[in-house]
N, C-alpha and C. Protein backbone atom coordinates (compact mmCIF):
# COMPACT_ATOMS: atom_id res chain seq x y z
N MET A 1 25.80 1.17 181.85
CA MET A 1 26.53 1.57 183.05
C MET A 1 26.27 0.52 184.13
N ARG A 2 27.30 0.10 184.82
CA ARG A 2 27.18 -0.88 185.86
C ARG A 2 26.67 -0.22 187.13
N THR A 3 25.73 -0.92 187.80
CA THR A 3 25.27 -0.43 189.12
C THR A 3 25.97 -1.24 190.19
N SER A 4 25.93 -0.74 191.40
CA SER A 4 26.62 -1.42 192.50
C SER A 4 26.03 -2.79 192.81
N SER A 5 24.83 -3.07 192.32
CA SER A 5 24.22 -4.39 192.60
C SER A 5 24.71 -5.49 191.62
N GLU A 6 25.37 -5.08 190.57
CA GLU A 6 25.87 -6.07 189.60
C GLU A 6 27.25 -6.58 190.01
N PRO A 7 27.36 -7.88 190.32
CA PRO A 7 28.67 -8.39 190.69
C PRO A 7 29.61 -8.44 189.49
N LEU A 8 30.90 -8.29 189.76
CA LEU A 8 31.91 -8.38 188.69
C LEU A 8 32.42 -9.76 188.54
N SER A 9 32.08 -10.67 189.43
CA SER A 9 32.53 -12.05 189.29
C SER A 9 31.42 -13.00 189.76
N ALA A 10 31.44 -14.18 189.21
CA ALA A 10 30.46 -15.20 189.59
C ALA A 10 31.12 -16.58 189.41
N GLU A 11 30.63 -17.52 190.18
CA GLU A 11 31.17 -18.87 190.15
C GLU A 11 30.03 -19.87 190.42
N ALA A 12 30.13 -21.03 189.82
CA ALA A 12 29.16 -22.09 190.05
C ALA A 12 29.83 -23.44 189.84
N LEU A 13 29.31 -24.45 190.50
CA LEU A 13 29.78 -25.84 190.32
C LEU A 13 28.64 -26.61 189.70
N VAL A 14 28.91 -27.24 188.56
CA VAL A 14 27.91 -28.04 187.87
C VAL A 14 28.54 -29.38 187.52
N ALA A 15 27.69 -30.38 187.29
CA ALA A 15 28.19 -31.70 186.93
C ALA A 15 27.73 -32.03 185.52
N LEU A 16 28.62 -32.58 184.73
CA LEU A 16 28.21 -33.10 183.40
C LEU A 16 27.24 -34.26 183.63
N PRO A 17 26.21 -34.36 182.84
CA PRO A 17 25.35 -35.54 182.93
C PRO A 17 26.20 -36.80 182.75
N ASP A 18 25.82 -37.90 183.42
CA ASP A 18 26.62 -39.13 183.42
C ASP A 18 26.90 -39.65 182.00
N ALA A 19 25.94 -39.50 181.10
CA ALA A 19 26.08 -40.07 179.76
C ALA A 19 26.74 -39.15 178.75
N VAL A 20 27.23 -37.98 179.24
CA VAL A 20 27.78 -36.97 178.26
C VAL A 20 29.23 -36.61 178.61
N ASP A 21 30.11 -36.86 177.68
CA ASP A 21 31.47 -36.38 177.77
C ASP A 21 31.55 -35.01 177.10
N LEU A 22 32.46 -34.18 177.56
CA LEU A 22 32.59 -32.84 176.97
C LEU A 22 33.54 -32.90 175.77
N HIS A 23 32.96 -33.37 174.68
CA HIS A 23 33.74 -33.50 173.42
C HIS A 23 32.90 -32.97 172.27
N ALA A 24 33.52 -32.75 171.14
CA ALA A 24 32.93 -32.32 169.88
C ALA A 24 31.69 -31.42 170.04
N ARG A 25 30.50 -31.96 169.81
CA ARG A 25 29.29 -31.14 169.77
C ARG A 25 29.01 -30.48 171.11
N PRO A 26 29.01 -31.18 172.26
CA PRO A 26 28.74 -30.50 173.51
C PRO A 26 29.78 -29.40 173.80
N ALA A 27 31.04 -29.64 173.48
CA ALA A 27 32.08 -28.66 173.70
C ALA A 27 31.83 -27.42 172.82
N ALA A 28 31.46 -27.63 171.59
CA ALA A 28 31.18 -26.52 170.67
C ALA A 28 29.98 -25.71 171.19
N ASP A 29 28.93 -26.36 171.65
CA ASP A 29 27.80 -25.63 172.21
C ASP A 29 28.20 -24.81 173.44
N PHE A 30 29.06 -25.39 174.28
CA PHE A 30 29.54 -24.74 175.49
C PHE A 30 30.35 -23.50 175.12
N VAL A 31 31.26 -23.62 174.13
CA VAL A 31 32.08 -22.48 173.71
C VAL A 31 31.23 -21.41 173.07
N ARG A 32 30.28 -21.77 172.23
CA ARG A 32 29.39 -20.79 171.61
C ARG A 32 28.66 -20.00 172.69
N THR A 33 28.19 -20.68 173.72
CA THR A 33 27.49 -20.01 174.81
C THR A 33 28.44 -19.04 175.53
N ALA A 34 29.65 -19.46 175.84
CA ALA A 34 30.61 -18.60 176.51
C ALA A 34 30.95 -17.38 175.69
N MET A 35 31.04 -17.53 174.38
CA MET A 35 31.43 -16.42 173.52
C MET A 35 30.39 -15.31 173.43
N ARG A 36 29.20 -15.58 173.86
CA ARG A 36 28.12 -14.56 173.82
C ARG A 36 28.39 -13.45 174.86
N PHE A 37 29.31 -13.66 175.76
CA PHE A 37 29.50 -12.71 176.88
C PHE A 37 30.87 -12.05 176.80
N SER A 38 30.93 -10.83 177.31
CA SER A 38 32.19 -10.11 177.29
C SER A 38 33.06 -10.51 178.47
N ALA A 39 32.48 -11.11 179.50
CA ALA A 39 33.25 -11.49 180.68
C ALA A 39 34.32 -12.53 180.31
N ASP A 40 35.39 -12.51 181.13
CA ASP A 40 36.42 -13.55 181.01
C ASP A 40 35.84 -14.77 181.70
N VAL A 41 35.69 -15.86 180.92
CA VAL A 41 35.05 -17.04 181.44
C VAL A 41 35.99 -18.21 181.45
N ARG A 42 36.10 -18.87 182.59
CA ARG A 42 37.01 -20.04 182.79
C ARG A 42 36.18 -21.24 183.25
N VAL A 43 36.67 -22.38 182.87
CA VAL A 43 36.06 -23.64 183.37
C VAL A 43 37.17 -24.53 183.88
N ALA A 44 36.90 -25.21 184.97
CA ALA A 44 37.89 -26.10 185.56
C ALA A 44 37.30 -27.50 185.80
N ALA A 45 38.11 -28.50 185.53
CA ALA A 45 37.78 -29.88 185.82
C ALA A 45 39.01 -30.42 186.58
N GLY A 46 38.77 -30.82 187.85
CA GLY A 46 39.92 -31.19 188.67
C GLY A 46 40.84 -30.03 188.88
N GLU A 47 42.12 -30.25 188.67
CA GLU A 47 43.11 -29.20 188.88
C GLU A 47 43.32 -28.29 187.66
N ARG A 48 42.76 -28.66 186.50
CA ARG A 48 43.01 -27.93 185.27
C ARG A 48 41.91 -26.88 185.06
N GLU A 49 42.31 -25.66 184.78
CA GLU A 49 41.37 -24.59 184.49
C GLU A 49 41.76 -24.01 183.11
N VAL A 50 40.74 -23.78 182.29
CA VAL A 50 41.01 -23.29 180.92
C VAL A 50 40.02 -22.22 180.56
N ASP A 51 40.32 -21.52 179.43
CA ASP A 51 39.48 -20.49 178.85
C ASP A 51 38.24 -21.18 178.22
N ALA A 52 37.07 -20.77 178.74
CA ALA A 52 35.83 -21.41 178.25
C ALA A 52 35.48 -21.00 176.84
N LYS A 53 36.18 -20.02 176.28
CA LYS A 53 35.92 -19.57 174.93
C LYS A 53 36.84 -20.22 173.89
N SER A 54 37.66 -21.17 174.34
CA SER A 54 38.59 -21.85 173.45
C SER A 54 38.19 -23.32 173.29
N LEU A 55 37.76 -23.68 172.11
CA LEU A 55 37.31 -25.06 171.83
C LEU A 55 38.43 -26.06 172.12
N LEU A 56 39.61 -25.75 171.67
CA LEU A 56 40.73 -26.70 171.91
C LEU A 56 41.01 -26.90 173.40
N SER A 57 40.91 -25.81 174.14
CA SER A 57 41.16 -25.88 175.59
C SER A 57 40.08 -26.72 176.28
N ILE A 58 38.83 -26.55 175.86
CA ILE A 58 37.74 -27.32 176.40
C ILE A 58 37.93 -28.80 176.09
N LEU A 59 38.25 -29.11 174.85
CA LEU A 59 38.46 -30.49 174.46
C LEU A 59 39.64 -31.10 175.25
N ALA A 60 40.67 -30.33 175.52
CA ALA A 60 41.85 -30.79 176.21
C ALA A 60 41.54 -31.12 177.68
N LEU A 61 40.48 -30.56 178.22
CA LEU A 61 40.11 -30.92 179.60
C LEU A 61 39.80 -32.40 179.74
N GLY A 62 39.24 -32.98 178.71
CA GLY A 62 38.94 -34.42 178.71
C GLY A 62 37.87 -34.74 179.74
N ALA A 63 36.96 -33.83 180.00
CA ALA A 63 35.90 -34.01 181.00
C ALA A 63 34.94 -35.13 180.56
N ARG A 64 34.76 -36.10 181.44
CA ARG A 64 33.87 -37.24 181.18
C ARG A 64 32.56 -37.03 181.91
N GLY A 65 31.54 -37.79 181.50
CA GLY A 65 30.26 -37.74 182.13
C GLY A 65 30.39 -37.89 183.66
N GLY A 66 29.66 -37.07 184.39
CA GLY A 66 29.71 -37.11 185.84
C GLY A 66 30.76 -36.20 186.45
N THR A 67 31.64 -35.65 185.63
CA THR A 67 32.72 -34.77 186.11
C THR A 67 32.13 -33.47 186.61
N SER A 68 32.61 -32.98 187.74
CA SER A 68 32.22 -31.65 188.25
C SER A 68 33.02 -30.59 187.54
N LEU A 69 32.31 -29.57 187.08
CA LEU A 69 32.97 -28.46 186.39
C LEU A 69 32.75 -27.20 187.27
N ARG A 70 33.84 -26.47 187.47
CA ARG A 70 33.76 -25.19 188.19
C ARG A 70 33.75 -24.09 187.10
N LEU A 71 32.68 -23.34 187.07
CA LEU A 71 32.51 -22.24 186.12
C LEU A 71 32.83 -20.95 186.85
N ARG A 72 33.68 -20.11 186.25
CA ARG A 72 34.08 -18.85 186.89
C ARG A 72 34.11 -17.78 185.81
N ALA A 73 33.50 -16.63 186.15
CA ALA A 73 33.53 -15.52 185.17
C ALA A 73 33.84 -14.21 185.90
N GLU A 74 34.52 -13.32 185.21
CA GLU A 74 34.80 -12.01 185.71
C GLU A 74 34.52 -10.96 184.64
N GLY A 75 33.76 -9.98 185.01
CA GLY A 75 33.38 -8.92 184.04
C GLY A 75 31.94 -8.48 184.30
N GLN A 76 31.51 -7.52 183.52
CA GLN A 76 30.18 -6.92 183.75
C GLN A 76 29.03 -7.91 183.63
N ASP A 77 29.15 -8.91 182.74
CA ASP A 77 28.06 -9.86 182.57
C ASP A 77 28.42 -11.26 183.15
N ALA A 78 29.22 -11.22 184.20
CA ALA A 78 29.73 -12.48 184.81
C ALA A 78 28.58 -13.41 185.26
N THR A 79 27.61 -12.85 185.98
CA THR A 79 26.55 -13.67 186.47
C THR A 79 25.73 -14.32 185.32
N ALA A 80 25.41 -13.50 184.33
CA ALA A 80 24.68 -13.98 183.17
C ALA A 80 25.47 -15.08 182.46
N ALA A 81 26.77 -14.93 182.37
CA ALA A 81 27.60 -15.92 181.69
C ALA A 81 27.56 -17.23 182.44
N VAL A 82 27.79 -17.21 183.75
CA VAL A 82 27.75 -18.43 184.55
C VAL A 82 26.38 -19.09 184.53
N ASP A 83 25.33 -18.29 184.62
CA ASP A 83 23.98 -18.85 184.53
C ASP A 83 23.74 -19.54 183.17
N ALA A 84 24.13 -18.90 182.10
CA ALA A 84 23.94 -19.48 180.76
C ALA A 84 24.73 -20.76 180.58
N LEU A 85 25.99 -20.78 181.05
CA LEU A 85 26.78 -21.97 180.94
C LEU A 85 26.26 -23.12 181.79
N SER A 86 25.73 -22.77 182.97
CA SER A 86 25.11 -23.80 183.85
C SER A 86 23.91 -24.42 183.13
N ASP A 87 23.10 -23.55 182.49
CA ASP A 87 21.92 -24.03 181.72
C ASP A 87 22.37 -24.85 180.53
N CYS A 88 23.46 -24.46 179.86
CA CYS A 88 24.00 -25.19 178.75
C CYS A 88 24.38 -26.64 179.16
N VAL A 89 25.11 -26.75 180.25
CA VAL A 89 25.50 -28.05 180.75
C VAL A 89 24.29 -28.91 181.13
N ALA A 90 23.33 -28.29 181.78
CA ALA A 90 22.09 -29.02 182.17
C ALA A 90 21.37 -29.53 180.93
N ALA A 91 21.43 -28.78 179.81
CA ALA A 91 20.72 -29.16 178.62
C ALA A 91 21.38 -30.34 177.86
N PHE A 92 22.57 -30.69 178.26
CA PHE A 92 23.26 -31.83 177.63
C PHE A 92 22.56 -33.15 177.95
N ALA A 93 21.82 -33.21 179.03
CA ALA A 93 21.18 -34.43 179.49
C ALA A 93 20.19 -34.97 178.48
């Protein structure tokens, strides 16, 4: 049961490490992390925003090293999802 202290949405801005493009293995790790949560999770690079649970969508972003990613989640575990994805991106370094 959700308590009033649990937010239904969360957002964070993270940067890909300079030497890491969001392709193949990093993208798969990112999607696997997003899929652990029931929240609707989105990621944006520039003007494009896609479903963080879709590998093809993540690859289509074409995010290069140093790109800022906006992570946004809505749902009961939104904060946990954004925190986990932030940690996932940080681990790419």
